């Protein structure tokens, strides 16, 4: 440690741990800032990671609700990809759509770092959630803000096949009735 309390290496630079921490902090803040334009236009949500408790609740509810073979999972606004990777454990194909270029690049990097196991079972697209094709999807996950949920609900009703499930983290879809009791702030809906 130096006299001012900053951890430095013998060569005078910052230690690798401090450098990594500062780098991660910088990238996270850039990613958050890059997610604001869609929010300001009323077309998206800021980057907010799905915490482990909510992720576990989502998949617990899905296990109870999915009555057929689990094929294709889509996360609209996939952020850092953690939900896509979690879904890849259960679904044949897990897809993330993300409009933030920093988060898209991060997710793609994670896909390759995690190894071949995820190369066939995951996909990430740098694409706006409003243009994502949902015609052959079994489950859609969304962590949107209240102001977009009505319009997003209309898109889902138009595009999802009958019997598909929608799992929403925190924000409910106006006018929709969940198929069971919401758990840990997650709501599951079945398309008719």
C-alpha atoms as a PDB file:
ATOM      1  CA  UNK A   1       0.000   0.000   0.000  1.00  0.00           C
ATOM      2  CA  UNK A   2       1.195   3.493  -0.686  1.00  0.00           C
ATOM      3  CA  UNK A   3       1.027   6.334   1.800  1.00  0.00           C
ATOM      4  CA  UNK A   4      -2.313   7.499   0.411  1.00  0.00           C
ATOM      5  CA  UNK A   5      -3.962   4.053   0.865  1.00  0.00           C
ATOM      6  CA  UNK A   6      -3.975   2.986  -2.819  1.00  0.00           C
ATOM      7  CA  UNK A   7      -2.664  -0.522  -3.461  1.00  0.00           C
ATOM      8  CA  UNK A   8       0.349  -0.261  -5.786  1.00  0.00           C
ATOM      9  CA  UNK A   9       2.747  -2.825  -7.158  1.00  0.00           C
ATOM     10  CA  UNK A  10       6.502  -2.557  -6.684  1.00  0.00           C
ATOM     11  CA  UNK A  11       6.849  -1.042 -10.172  1.00  0.00           C
ATOM     12  CA  UNK A  12       4.722   1.906  -9.061  1.00  0.00           C
ATOM     13  CA  UNK A  13       1.473   1.006 -10.892  1.00  0.00           C
ATOM     14  CA  UNK A  14      -1.837  -0.162  -9.493  1.00  0.00           C
ATOM     15  CA  UNK A  15      -2.143  -3.814  -8.491  1.00  0.00           C
ATOM     16  CA  UNK A  16      -3.939  -6.112 -10.968  1.00  0.00           C
ATOM     17  CA  UNK A  17      -6.920  -6.468  -8.604  1.00  0.00           C
ATOM     18  CA  UNK A  18      -7.381  -2.703  -8.316  1.00  0.00           C
ATOM     19  CA  UNK A  19      -6.877  -2.232 -12.066  1.00  0.00           C
ATOM     20  CA  UNK A  20      -9.453  -4.931 -12.827  1.00  0.00           C
ATOM     21  CA  UNK A  21     -11.926  -3.420 -10.355  1.00  0.00           C
ATOM     22  CA  UNK A  22     -11.538   0.048 -11.819  1.00  0.00           C
ATOM     23  CA  UNK A  23     -11.853  -1.322 -15.354  1.00  0.00           C
ATOM     24  CA  UNK A  24     -15.019  -3.253 -14.500  1.00  0.00           C
ATOM     25  CA  UNK A  25     -16.484  -0.174 -12.804  1.00  0.00           C
ATOM     26  CA  UNK A  26     -15.723   1.931 -15.903  1.00  0.00           C
ATOM     27  CA  UNK A  27     -17.223  -0.611 -18.345  1.00  0.00           C
ATOM     28  CA  UNK A  28     -20.341  -1.057 -16.189  1.00  0.00           C
ATOM     29  CA  UNK A  29     -20.912   2.696 -16.063  1.00  0.00           C
ATOM     30  CA  UNK A  30     -20.398   3.068 -19.830  1.00  0.00           C
ATOM     31  CA  UNK A  31     -22.869   0.211 -20.397  1.00  0.00           C
ATOM     32  CA  UNK A  32     -25.420   1.885 -18.116  1.00  0.00           C
ATOM     33  CA  UNK A  33     -25.026   5.227 -19.902  1.00  0.00           C
ATOM     34  CA  UNK A  34     -25.337   3.554 -23.314  1.00  0.00           C
ATOM     35  CA  UNK A  35     -28.656   2.013 -22.233  1.00  0.00           C
ATOM     36  CA  UNK A  36     -30.256   5.395 -21.532  1.00  0.00           C
ATOM     37  CA  UNK A  37     -31.196   6.569 -25.080  1.00  0.00           C
ATOM     38  CA  UNK A  38     -33.888   3.874 -25.565  1.00  0.00           C
ATOM     39  CA  UNK A  39     -35.241   4.696 -22.099  1.00  0.00           C
ATOM     40  CA  UNK A  40     -35.447   8.396 -22.923  1.00  0.00           C
ATOM     41  CA  UNK A  41     -37.295   7.569 -26.178  1.00  0.00           C
ATOM     42  CA  UNK A  42     -39.740   5.330 -24.261  1.00  0.00           C
ATOM     43  CA  UNK A  43     -38.570   2.263 -26.214  1.00  0.00           C
ATOM     44  CA  UNK A  44     -36.546   0.300 -23.669  1.00  0.00           C
ATOM     45  CA  UNK A  45     -35.205  -0.090 -20.161  1.00  0.00           C
ATOM     46  CA  UNK A  46     -31.864   0.720 -18.561  1.00  0.00           C
ATOM     47  CA  UNK A  47     -29.354  -2.015 -17.873  1.00  0.00           C
ATOM     48  CA  UNK A  48     -30.455  -3.656 -14.640  1.00  0.00           C
ATOM     49  CA  UNK A  49     -29.078  -7.121 -13.980  1.00  0.00           C
ATOM     50  CA  UNK A  50     -31.491  -9.853 -12.936  1.00  0.00           C
ATOM     51  CA  UNK A  51     -30.394 -10.811  -9.466  1.00  0.00           C
ATOM     52  CA  UNK A  52     -29.903 -14.444  -8.517  1.00  0.00           C
ATOM     53  CA  UNK A  53     -33.029 -14.624  -6.316  1.00  0.00           C
ATOM     54  CA  UNK A  54     -35.247 -13.344  -9.163  1.00  0.00           C
ATOM     55  CA  UNK A  55     -33.515 -15.588 -11.711  1.00  0.00           C
ATOM     56  CA  UNK A  56     -34.050 -18.631  -9.483  1.00  0.00           C
ATOM     57  CA  UNK A  57     -37.698 -17.647  -8.931  1.00  0.00           C
ATOM     58  CA  UNK A  58     -38.219 -17.284 -12.683  1.00  0.00           C
ATOM     59  CA  UNK A  59     -36.882 -20.736 -13.429  1.00  0.00           C
ATOM     60  CA  UNK A  60     -38.731 -22.310 -10.484  1.00  0.00           C
ATOM     61  CA  UNK A  61     -41.984 -20.905 -11.842  1.00  0.00           C
ATOM     62  CA  UNK A  62     -41.127 -21.982 -15.370  1.00  0.00           C
ATOM     63  CA  UNK A  63     -40.453 -25.546 -14.183  1.00  0.00           C
ATOM     64  CA  UNK A  64     -43.928 -25.608 -12.631  1.00  0.00           C
ATOM     65  CA  UNK A  65     -45.631 -24.013 -15.646  1.00  0.00           C
ATOM     66  CA  UNK A  66     -44.001 -25.368 -18.803  1.00  0.00           C
ATOM     67  CA  UNK A  67     -46.050 -28.356 -19.863  1.00  0.00           C
ATOM     68  CA  UNK A  68     -44.204 -29.295 -23.032  1.00  0.00           C
ATOM     69  CA  UNK A  69     -40.666 -29.823 -24.232  1.00  0.00           C
ATOM     70  CA  UNK A  70     -38.583 -26.714 -23.667  1.00  0.00           C
ATOM     71  CA  UNK A  71     -37.104 -25.599 -26.975  1.00  0.00           C
ATOM     72  CA  UNK A  72     -36.489 -21.865 -27.477  1.00  0.00           C
ATOM     73  CA  UNK A  73     -36.008 -19.215 -24.775  1.00  0.00           C
ATOM     74  CA  UNK A  74     -35.635 -15.504 -25.616  1.00  0.00           C
ATOM     75  CA  UNK A  75     -34.529 -12.693 -23.313  1.00  0.00           C
ATOM     76  CA  UNK A  76     -35.620  -9.307 -24.650  1.00  0.00           C
ATOM     77  CA  UNK A  77     -33.015  -6.841 -23.433  1.00  0.00           C
ATOM     78  CA  UNK A  78     -30.537  -9.520 -22.404  1.00  0.00           C
ATOM     79  CA  UNK A  79     -28.038  -7.131 -20.792  1.00  0.00           C
ATOM     80  CA  UNK A  80     -24.946  -9.005 -19.652  1.00  0.00           C
ATOM     81  CA  UNK A  81     -26.398 -12.358 -20.755  1.00  0.00           C
ATOM     82  CA  UNK A  82     -26.697 -14.027 -17.356  1.00  0.00           C
ATOM     83  CA  UNK A  83     -30.332 -15.048 -17.918  1.00  0.00           C
ATOM     84  CA  UNK A  84     -29.532 -16.445 -21.383  1.00  0.00           C
ATOM     85  CA  UNK A  85     -26.739 -18.599 -19.941  1.00  0.00           C
ATOM     86  CA  UNK A  86     -28.989 -19.791 -17.107  1.00  0.00           C
ATOM     87  CA  UNK A  87     -31.725 -20.720 -19.603  1.00  0.00           C
ATOM     88  CA  UNK A  88     -29.210 -22.647 -21.726  1.00  0.00           C
ATOM     89  CA  UNK A  89     -29.145 -25.239 -18.938  1.00  0.00           C
ATOM     90  CA  UNK A  90     -32.795 -26.084 -19.625  1.00  0.00           C
ATOM     91  CA  UNK A  91     -33.659 -25.012 -23.178  1.00  0.00           C
ATOM     92  CA  UNK A  92     -32.341 -26.346 -26.489  1.00  0.00           C
ATOM     93  CA  UNK A  93     -31.653 -22.761 -27.637  1.00  0.00           C
ATOM     94  CA  UNK A  94     -31.399 -19.610 -25.541  1.00  0.00           C
ATOM     95  CA  UNK A  95     -31.338 -16.252 -27.370  1.00  0.00           C
ATOM     96  CA  UNK A  96     -30.606 -12.742 -26.130  1.00  0.00           C
ATOM     97  CA  UNK A  97     -31.556  -9.518 -27.913  1.00  0.00           C
ATOM     98  CA  UNK A  98     -29.662  -6.450 -26.725  1.00  0.00           C
ATOM     99  CA  UNK A  99     -29.507  -2.956 -28.278  1.00  0.00           C
ATOM    100  CA  UNK A 100     -26.629  -1.746 -26.082  1.00  0.00           C
ATOM    101  CA  UNK A 101     -23.431  -2.449 -28.063  1.00  0.00           C
ATOM    102  CA  UNK A 102     -21.239  -2.708 -24.953  1.00  0.00           C
ATOM    103  CA  UNK A 103     -23.489  -5.306 -23.334  1.00  0.00           C
ATOM    104  CA  UNK A 104     -23.850  -7.188 -26.608  1.00  0.00           C
ATOM    105  CA  UNK A 105     -20.051  -7.408 -26.979  1.00  0.00           C
ATOM    106  CA  UNK A 106     -19.704  -8.434 -23.333  1.00  0.00           C
ATOM    107  CA  UNK A 107     -22.287 -11.219 -23.781  1.00  0.00           C
ATOM    108  CA  UNK A 108     -20.644 -12.472 -26.962  1.00  0.00           C
ATOM    109  CA  UNK A 109     -17.307 -12.532 -25.151  1.00  0.00           C
ATOM    110  CA  UNK A 110     -18.839 -14.480 -22.266  1.00  0.00           C
ATOM    111  CA  UNK A 111     -20.274 -16.958 -24.744  1.00  0.00           C
ATOM    112  CA  UNK A 112     -16.828 -17.801 -26.030  1.00  0.00           C
ATOM    113  CA  UNK A 113     -15.133 -17.700 -22.633  1.00  0.00           C
ATOM    114  CA  UNK A 114     -17.685 -20.151 -21.211  1.00  0.00           C
ATOM    115  CA  UNK A 115     -16.718 -22.622 -23.916  1.00  0.00           C
ATOM    116  CA  UNK A 116     -18.132 -24.972 -26.540  1.00  0.00           C
ATOM    117  CA  UNK A 117     -20.966 -26.108 -24.282  1.00  0.00           C
ATOM    118  CA  UNK A 118     -22.612 -22.714 -24.899  1.00  0.00           C
ATOM    119  CA  UNK A 119     -21.689 -22.229 -28.564  1.00  0.00           C
ATOM    120  CA  UNK A 120     -24.569 -24.326 -29.885  1.00  0.00           C
ATOM    121  CA  UNK A 121     -27.115 -23.507 -27.160  1.00  0.00           C
ATOM    122  CA  UNK A 122     -26.839 -19.694 -27.007  1.00  0.00           C
ATOM    123  CA  UNK A 123     -27.122 -16.801 -29.458  1.00  0.00           C
ATOM    124  CA  UNK A 124     -26.869 -13.063 -28.937  1.00  0.00           C
ATOM    125  CA  UNK A 125     -28.098 -10.413 -31.349  1.00  0.00           C
ATOM    126  CA  UNK A 126     -27.312  -6.719 -31.327  1.00  0.00           C
ATOM    127  CA  UNK A 127     -30.887  -5.795 -32.041  1.00  0.00           C
ATOM    128  CA  UNK A 128     -33.723  -3.730 -30.654  1.00  0.00           C
ATOM    129  CA  UNK A 129     -36.357  -5.782 -28.795  1.00  0.00           C
ATOM    130  CA  UNK A 130     -39.079  -4.243 -30.964  1.00  0.00           C
ATOM    131  CA  UNK A 131     -37.648  -5.855 -34.117  1.00  0.00           C
ATOM    132  CA  UNK A 132     -36.954  -9.307 -32.639  1.00  0.00           C
ATOM    133  CA  UNK A 133     -38.791 -12.133 -34.423  1.00  0.00           C
ATOM    134  CA  UNK A 134     -40.756 -14.109 -31.844  1.00  0.00           C
ATOM    135  CA  UNK A 135     -42.695 -16.395 -34.171  1.00  0.00           C
ATOM    136  CA  UNK A 136     -41.123 -19.655 -32.964  1.00  0.00           C
ATOM    137  CA  UNK A 137     -40.436 -18.979 -29.306  1.00  0.00           C
ATOM    138  CA  UNK A 138     -41.558 -21.066 -26.343  1.00  0.00           C
ATOM    139  CA  UNK A 139     -40.627 -18.670 -23.527  1.00  0.00           C
ATOM    140  CA  UNK A 140     -39.891 -14.925 -23.543  1.00  0.00           C
ATOM    141  CA  UNK A 141     -38.302 -13.167 -20.578  1.00  0.00           C
ATOM    142  CA  UNK A 142     -38.453  -9.423 -20.146  1.00  0.00           C
ATOM    143  CA  UNK A 143     -37.288  -6.966 -17.503  1.00  0.00           C
ATOM    144  CA  UNK A 144     -38.900  -3.839 -18.898  1.00  0.00           C
ATOM    145  CA  UNK A 145     -40.076  -0.650 -17.274  1.00  0.00           C
ATOM    146  CA  UNK A 146     -43.747   0.108 -16.648  1.00  0.00           C
ATOM    147  CA  UNK A 147     -44.059   2.647 -19.516  1.00  0.00           C
ATOM    148  CA  UNK A 148     -43.148   0.099 -22.234  1.00  0.00           C
ATOM    149  CA  UNK A 149     -45.031  -2.897 -20.883  1.00  0.00           C
ATOM    150  CA  UNK A 150     -48.379  -2.140 -22.572  1.00  0.00           C
ATOM    151  CA  UNK A 151     -46.799  -1.757 -26.030  1.00  0.00           C
ATOM    152  CA  UNK A 152     -44.560  -4.758 -25.425  1.00  0.00           C
ATOM    153  CA  UNK A 153     -47.600  -6.807 -24.391  1.00  0.00           C
ATOM    154  CA  UNK A 154     -49.255  -5.927 -27.707  1.00  0.00           C
ATOM    155  CA  UNK A 155     -46.150  -7.033 -29.641  1.00  0.00           C
ATOM    156  CA  UNK A 156     -46.061 -10.312 -27.714  1.00  0.00           C
ATOM    157  CA  UNK A 157     -49.765 -10.949 -28.368  1.00  0.00           C
ATOM    158  CA  UNK A 158     -49.268 -10.374 -32.113  1.00  0.00           C
ATOM    159  CA  UNK A 159     -46.141 -12.485 -32.519  1.00  0.00           C
ATOM    160  CA  UNK A 160     -45.958 -15.306 -29.990  1.00  0.00           C
ATOM    161  CA  UNK A 161     -47.479 -18.691 -30.816  1.00  0.00           C
ATOM    162  CA  UNK A 162     -50.385 -19.939 -28.730  1.00  0.00           C
ATOM    163  CA  UNK A 163     -49.168 -21.653 -25.569  1.00  0.00           C
ATOM    164  CA  UNK A 164     -45.921 -19.667 -25.350  1.00  0.00           C
ATOM    165  CA  UNK A 165     -44.984 -18.297 -21.960  1.00  0.00           C
ATOM    166  CA  UNK A 166     -43.942 -14.778 -21.006  1.00  0.00           C
ATOM    167  CA  UNK A 167     -41.995 -14.275 -17.798  1.00  0.00           C
ATOM    168  CA  UNK A 168     -41.721 -10.684 -16.618  1.00  0.00           C
ATOM    169  CA  UNK A 169     -39.312  -9.605 -13.926  1.00  0.00           C
ATOM    170  CA  UNK A 170     -40.767  -6.985 -11.524  1.00  0.00           C
ATOM    171  CA  UNK A 171     -43.132  -5.197 -13.940  1.00  0.00           C
ATOM    172  CA  UNK A 172     -46.419  -6.846 -14.865  1.00  0.00           C
ATOM    173  CA  UNK A 173     -48.050  -6.613 -18.286  1.00  0.00           C
ATOM    174  CA  UNK A 174     -51.128  -4.336 -17.999  1.00  0.00           C
ATOM    175  CA  UNK A 175     -54.384  -6.222 -18.455  1.00  0.00           C
ATOM    176  CA  UNK A 176     -52.779  -9.675 -18.382  1.00  0.00           C
ATOM    177  CA  UNK A 177     -53.459 -12.284 -15.698  1.00  0.00           C
ATOM    178  CA  UNK A 178     -50.552 -14.441 -14.506  1.00  0.00           C
ATOM    179  CA  UNK A 179     -51.028 -18.221 -14.778  1.00  0.00           C
ATOM    180  CA  UNK A 180     -50.078 -18.645 -11.121  1.00  0.00           C
ATOM    181  CA  UNK A 181     -49.129 -16.597  -8.101  1.00  0.00           C
ATOM    182  CA  UNK A 182     -46.252 -14.236  -8.813  1.00  0.00           C
ATOM    183  CA  UNK A 183     -43.082 -15.249  -7.013  1.00  0.00           C
ATOM    184  CA  UNK A 184     -40.267 -12.900  -5.930  1.00  0.00           C
ATOM    185  CA  UNK A 185     -41.598 -10.199  -8.251  1.00  0.00           C
ATOM    186  CA  UNK A 186     -41.769 -12.427 -11.335  1.00  0.00           C
ATOM    187  CA  UNK A 187     -44.952 -12.916 -13.311  1.00  0.00           C
ATOM    188  CA  UNK A 188     -45.647 -15.739 -15.791  1.00  0.00           C
ATOM    189  CA  UNK A 189     -48.277 -15.470 -18.506  1.00  0.00           C
ATOM    190  CA  UNK A 190     -49.452 -18.004 -21.113  1.00  0.00           C
ATOM    191  CA  UNK A 191     -50.378 -16.830 -24.608  1.00  0.00           C
ATOM    192  CA  UNK A 192     -53.808 -17.936 -25.841  1.00  0.00           C
END
